[in-house]
Amino acid sequence: MARSATEKPMIRHLALTKARTNLGEVVERVHRNKEYVILEKGGLPVAAMMDIDEFEDYLELHDPEVEEHVRTSSEEFGVGESRAAGELVRELRDQVREQEEPATK
């Protein structure tokens, strides 16, 4: 169940000992419901859990190369140097067809 862009994620705080006892259930809720779980030891937050898809997105966004692509794209969009997605898809399909034509002849 993916949450919408405007929906705030559910954040739960859980003692590390309780998480360890119920690890399978906790992981399932994190994955299925896209919840965040803050793991606490002695009442202090020490770690967090999030769904792997979101974690991969997080890592990707913190990659300097990806950050540069996002910045460049935002600048291009801001000055009107963007195009409709349908146009890009058509262009990519044409390129694929062109690459496949010599192989079929």
N, C-alpha and C. Protein backbone atom coordinates (compact mmCIF):
# COMPACT_ATOMS: atom_id res chain seq x y z
N MET A 1 0.85 -1.18 0.00
CA MET A 1 0.00 0.00 0.00
C MET A 1 0.89 1.23 0.00
N ALA A 2 1.08 1.83 -1.13
CA ALA A 2 1.92 3.03 -1.25
C ALA A 2 1.14 4.24 -0.76
N ARG A 3 1.86 5.15 -0.13
CA ARG A 3 1.17 6.35 0.33
C ARG A 3 1.24 7.42 -0.75
N SER A 4 0.28 8.30 -0.74
CA SER A 4 0.25 9.37 -1.72
C SER A 4 1.31 10.41 -1.37
N ALA A 5 1.61 11.29 -2.33
CA ALA A 5 2.64 12.30 -2.13
C ALA A 5 2.29 13.26 -1.01
N THR A 6 1.00 13.47 -0.73
CA THR A 6 0.60 14.41 0.31
C THR A 6 0.40 13.75 1.67
N GLU A 7 0.34 12.44 1.69
CA GLU A 7 0.10 11.70 2.92
C GLU A 7 1.39 11.58 3.73
N LYS A 8 1.32 11.94 5.01
CA LYS A 8 2.50 11.84 5.86
C LYS A 8 2.73 10.38 6.24
N PRO A 9 4.00 9.98 6.30
CA PRO A 9 4.29 8.59 6.68
C PRO A 9 4.01 8.38 8.16
N MET A 10 3.62 7.15 8.49
CA MET A 10 3.40 6.78 9.88
C MET A 10 4.78 6.55 10.49
N ILE A 11 5.04 7.18 11.61
CA ILE A 11 6.31 7.01 12.31
C ILE A 11 6.01 6.37 13.66
N ARG A 12 6.60 5.22 13.87
CA ARG A 12 6.40 4.50 15.14
C ARG A 12 7.72 4.43 15.89
N HIS A 13 7.64 4.53 17.19
CA HIS A 13 8.81 4.37 18.05
C HIS A 13 8.67 3.01 18.72
N LEU A 14 9.76 2.27 18.73
CA LEU A 14 9.70 0.91 19.23
C LEU A 14 10.99 0.58 19.98
N ALA A 15 10.85 -0.01 21.14
CA ALA A 15 12.03 -0.44 21.89
C ALA A 15 12.75 -1.53 21.10
N LEU A 16 14.05 -1.47 21.11
CA LEU A 16 14.86 -2.43 20.37
C LEU A 16 14.55 -3.87 20.79
N THR A 17 14.35 -4.10 22.07
CA THR A 17 14.04 -5.46 22.53
C THR A 17 12.71 -5.95 21.98
N LYS A 18 11.72 -5.07 21.91
CA LYS A 18 10.42 -5.45 21.35
C LYS A 18 10.54 -5.69 19.84
N ALA A 19 11.32 -4.86 19.17
CA ALA A 19 11.52 -5.03 17.73
C ALA A 19 12.21 -6.36 17.45
N ARG A 20 13.19 -6.71 18.27
CA ARG A 20 13.91 -7.96 18.08
C ARG A 20 12.96 -9.16 18.23
N THR A 21 12.07 -9.09 19.21
CA THR A 21 11.12 -10.18 19.45
C THR A 21 10.12 -10.30 18.31
N ASN A 22 9.74 -9.19 17.70
CA ASN A 22 8.71 -9.16 16.65
C ASN A 22 9.28 -8.71 15.31
N LEU A 23 10.53 -9.05 15.03
CA LEU A 23 11.20 -8.51 13.86
C LEU A 23 10.44 -8.78 12.56
N GLY A 24 9.98 -9.99 12.35
CA GLY A 24 9.25 -10.30 11.10
C GLY A 24 8.04 -9.43 10.91
N GLU A 25 7.26 -9.25 11.96
CA GLU A 25 6.06 -8.41 11.90
C GLU A 25 6.42 -6.95 11.65
N VAL A 26 7.46 -6.47 12.32
CA VAL A 26 7.88 -5.07 12.15
C VAL A 26 8.33 -4.83 10.72
N VAL A 27 9.15 -5.73 10.20
CA VAL A 27 9.64 -5.58 8.83
C VAL A 27 8.47 -5.62 7.84
N GLU A 28 7.53 -6.50 8.06
CA GLU A 28 6.36 -6.59 7.17
C GLU A 28 5.57 -5.28 7.16
N ARG A 29 5.38 -4.68 8.32
CA ARG A 29 4.64 -3.40 8.38
C ARG A 29 5.41 -2.28 7.69
N VAL A 30 6.72 -2.27 7.88
CA VAL A 30 7.55 -1.26 7.23
C VAL A 30 7.43 -1.40 5.71
N HIS A 31 7.51 -2.63 5.25
CA HIS A 31 7.45 -2.87 3.80
C HIS A 31 6.04 -2.65 3.24
N ARG A 32 5.06 -3.28 3.84
CA ARG A 32 3.69 -3.23 3.30
C ARG A 32 3.05 -1.85 3.45
N ASN A 33 3.21 -1.23 4.61
CA ASN A 33 2.53 0.04 4.90
C ASN A 33 3.40 1.27 4.68
N LYS A 34 4.65 1.04 4.28
CA LYS A 34 5.60 2.14 4.07
C LYS A 34 5.75 3.01 5.32
N GLU A 35 5.76 2.33 6.47
CA GLU A 35 5.94 3.02 7.75
C GLU A 35 7.42 3.20 8.04
N TYR A 36 7.71 4.15 8.90
CA TYR A 36 9.05 4.30 9.45
C TYR A 36 9.01 3.80 10.88
N VAL A 37 10.06 3.14 11.32
CA VAL A 37 10.15 2.70 12.70
C VAL A 37 11.45 3.23 13.28
N ILE A 38 11.32 3.97 14.37
CA ILE A 38 12.46 4.48 15.10
C ILE A 38 12.74 3.47 16.22
N LEU A 39 13.92 2.87 16.18
CA LEU A 39 14.29 1.89 17.20
C LEU A 39 14.99 2.61 18.35
N GLU A 40 14.55 2.30 19.56
CA GLU A 40 15.08 2.98 20.74
C GLU A 40 15.74 1.99 21.68
N LYS A 41 16.82 2.44 22.27
CA LYS A 41 17.52 1.65 23.29
C LYS A 41 17.60 2.52 24.53
N GLY A 42 17.01 2.05 25.60
CA GLY A 42 16.97 2.86 26.82
C GLY A 42 16.20 4.14 26.64
N GLY A 43 15.23 4.14 25.74
CA GLY A 43 14.40 5.32 25.50
C GLY A 43 15.02 6.33 24.54
N LEU A 44 16.24 6.03 24.04
CA LEU A 44 16.90 6.95 23.11
C LEU A 44 16.88 6.37 21.70
N PRO A 45 16.56 7.18 20.69
CA PRO A 45 16.57 6.69 19.31
C PRO A 45 18.00 6.35 18.87
N VAL A 46 18.17 5.13 18.32
CA VAL A 46 19.50 4.69 17.88
C VAL A 46 19.56 4.27 16.42
N ALA A 47 18.41 3.94 15.84
CA ALA A 47 18.37 3.51 14.44
C ALA A 47 16.96 3.68 13.92
N ALA A 48 16.84 3.55 12.59
CA ALA A 48 15.52 3.67 11.97
C ALA A 48 15.37 2.62 10.89
N MET A 49 14.14 2.26 10.60
CA MET A 49 13.83 1.31 9.53
C MET A 49 12.91 1.98 8.53
N MET A 50 13.16 1.71 7.24
CA MET A 50 12.30 2.19 6.17
C MET A 50 12.27 1.13 5.08
N ASP A 51 11.29 1.21 4.21
CA ASP A 51 11.17 0.26 3.11
C ASP A 51 12.38 0.37 2.18
N ILE A 52 12.81 -0.75 1.62
CA ILE A 52 14.02 -0.79 0.80
C ILE A 52 13.90 0.09 -0.45
N ASP A 53 12.72 0.16 -1.07
CA ASP A 53 12.56 1.00 -2.26
C ASP A 53 12.83 2.47 -1.92
N GLU A 54 12.30 2.91 -0.80
CA GLU A 54 12.52 4.29 -0.39
C GLU A 54 13.98 4.52 0.00
N PHE A 55 14.58 3.53 0.63
CA PHE A 55 15.99 3.64 1.01
C PHE A 55 16.88 3.76 -0.23
N GLU A 56 16.58 2.96 -1.26
CA GLU A 56 17.35 3.05 -2.50
C GLU A 56 17.19 4.43 -3.14
N ASP A 57 15.96 4.96 -3.12
CA ASP A 57 15.73 6.32 -3.62
C ASP A 57 16.54 7.33 -2.82
N TYR A 58 16.55 7.16 -1.51
CA TYR A 58 17.31 8.05 -0.63
C TYR A 58 18.80 8.02 -0.99
N LEU A 59 19.36 6.82 -1.16
CA LEU A 59 20.77 6.71 -1.51
C LEU A 59 21.06 7.35 -2.86
N GLU A 60 20.16 7.09 -3.80
CA GLU A 60 20.34 7.65 -5.15
C GLU A 60 20.33 9.16 -5.12
N LEU A 61 19.44 9.74 -4.35
CA LEU A 61 19.35 11.20 -4.28
C LEU A 61 20.55 11.83 -3.59
N HIS A 62 21.27 11.05 -2.81
CA HIS A 62 22.45 11.58 -2.14
C HIS A 62 23.73 11.28 -2.91
N ASP A 63 23.57 10.76 -4.11
CA ASP A 63 24.70 10.54 -5.01
C ASP A 63 24.98 11.86 -5.71
N PRO A 64 26.20 12.39 -5.63
CA PRO A 64 26.49 13.69 -6.23
C PRO A 64 26.15 13.75 -7.73
N GLU A 65 26.33 12.66 -8.44
CA GLU A 65 26.02 12.64 -9.87
C GLU A 65 24.51 12.81 -10.08
N VAL A 66 23.71 12.13 -9.27
CA VAL A 66 22.26 12.25 -9.38
C VAL A 66 21.83 13.66 -8.99
N GLU A 67 22.42 14.19 -7.93
CA GLU A 67 22.10 15.56 -7.51
C GLU A 67 22.35 16.55 -8.65
N GLU A 68 23.44 16.36 -9.38
CA GLU A 68 23.76 17.25 -10.50
C GLU A 68 22.72 17.12 -11.61
N HIS A 69 22.28 15.89 -11.91
CA HIS A 69 21.24 15.69 -12.93
C HIS A 69 19.94 16.38 -12.52
N VAL A 70 19.57 16.24 -11.25
CA VAL A 70 18.33 16.87 -10.76
C VAL A 70 18.45 18.39 -10.87
N ARG A 71 19.60 18.95 -10.47
CA ARG A 71 19.80 20.40 -10.53
C ARG A 71 19.71 20.89 -11.96
N THR A 72 20.41 20.20 -12.87
CA THR A 72 20.42 20.60 -14.28
C THR A 72 19.01 20.51 -14.87
N SER A 73 18.32 19.44 -14.57
CA SER A 73 16.95 19.26 -15.08
C SER A 73 16.03 20.35 -14.57
N SER A 74 16.17 20.69 -13.30
CA SER A 74 15.33 21.75 -12.73
C SER A 74 15.59 23.08 -13.41
N GLU A 75 16.86 23.38 -13.66
CA GLU A 75 17.21 24.62 -14.35
C GLU A 75 16.63 24.65 -15.76
N GLU A 76 16.77 23.53 -16.48
CA GLU A 76 16.25 23.46 -17.85
C GLU A 76 14.74 23.64 -17.85
N PHE A 77 14.06 23.00 -16.91
CA PHE A 77 12.61 23.12 -16.82
C PHE A 77 12.23 24.57 -16.53
N GLY A 78 12.98 25.21 -15.63
CA GLY A 78 12.70 26.59 -15.24
C GLY A 78 12.79 27.58 -16.38
N VAL A 79 13.62 27.30 -17.37
CA VAL A 79 13.76 28.23 -18.51
C VAL A 79 13.03 27.71 -19.75
N GLY A 80 12.16 26.72 -19.55
CA GLY A 80 11.34 26.24 -20.65
C GLY A 80 12.03 25.28 -21.60
N GLU A 81 13.11 24.68 -21.20
CA GLU A 81 13.82 23.73 -22.05
C GLU A 81 13.38 22.29 -21.79
N SER A 82 12.10 22.10 -21.58
CA SER A 82 11.59 20.76 -21.36
C SER A 82 10.63 20.40 -22.48
N ARG A 83 10.24 19.14 -22.52
CA ARG A 83 9.28 18.71 -23.54
C ARG A 83 8.34 17.68 -22.94
N ALA A 84 7.28 17.44 -23.62
CA ALA A 84 6.28 16.50 -23.12
C ALA A 84 6.85 15.09 -23.11
N ALA A 85 6.43 14.30 -22.14
CA ALA A 85 6.91 12.93 -22.02
C ALA A 85 6.57 12.11 -23.26
N GLY A 86 5.41 12.33 -23.84
CA GLY A 86 5.00 11.60 -25.04
C GLY A 86 5.96 11.83 -26.19
N GLU A 87 6.45 13.05 -26.31
CA GLU A 87 7.42 13.39 -27.35
C GLU A 87 8.72 12.61 -27.15
N LEU A 88 9.18 12.55 -25.92
CA LEU A 88 10.40 11.80 -25.62
C LEU A 88 10.22 10.32 -25.90
N VAL A 89 9.08 9.78 -25.51
CA VAL A 89 8.82 8.35 -25.75
C VAL A 89 8.82 8.06 -27.24
N ARG A 90 8.18 8.90 -28.04
CA ARG A 90 8.17 8.71 -29.49
C ARG A 90 9.59 8.74 -30.05
N GLU A 91 10.39 9.70 -29.59
CA GLU A 91 11.78 9.81 -30.05
C GLU A 91 12.57 8.55 -29.70
N LEU A 92 12.40 8.06 -28.49
CA LEU A 92 13.12 6.85 -28.08
C LEU A 92 12.68 5.63 -28.88
N ARG A 93 11.39 5.52 -29.14
CA ARG A 93 10.89 4.40 -29.96
C ARG A 93 11.47 4.46 -31.37
N ASP A 94 11.54 5.68 -31.94
CA ASP A 94 12.12 5.84 -33.28
C ASP A 94 13.59 5.40 -33.28
N GLN A 95 14.31 5.76 -32.23
CA GLN A 95 15.72 5.38 -32.14
C GLN A 95 15.87 3.86 -32.07
N VAL A 96 15.01 3.22 -31.31
CA VAL A 96 15.06 1.75 -31.19
C VAL A 96 14.76 1.12 -32.55
N ARG A 97 13.75 1.62 -33.23
CA ARG A 97 13.40 1.09 -34.56
C ARG A 97 14.58 1.23 -35.52
N GLU A 98 15.23 2.40 -35.50
CA GLU A 98 16.37 2.63 -36.38
C GLU A 98 17.51 1.66 -36.10
N GLN A 99 17.72 1.36 -34.83
CA GLN A 99 18.79 0.43 -34.44
C GLN A 99 18.43 -1.00 -34.85
N GLU A 100 17.15 -1.34 -34.83
CA GLU A 100 16.72 -2.70 -35.14
C GLU A 100 16.64 -2.95 -36.64
N GLU A 101 16.39 -1.93 -37.44
CA GLU A 101 16.23 -2.09 -38.90
C GLU A 101 17.41 -2.77 -39.57
N PRO A 102 18.65 -2.34 -39.38
CA PRO A 102 19.76 -3.02 -40.06
C PRO A 102 19.87 -4.49 -39.68
N ALA A 103 19.49 -4.85 -38.46
CA ALA A 103 19.59 -6.24 -38.02
C ALA A 103 18.55 -7.12 -38.69
N THR A 104 17.44 -6.53 -39.11
CA THR A 104 16.37 -7.33 -39.73
C THR A 104 16.52 -7.40 -41.24
N LYS A 105 17.38 -6.62 -41.83
CA LYS A 105 17.55 -6.63 -43.29
C LYS A 105 18.55 -7.66 -43.72
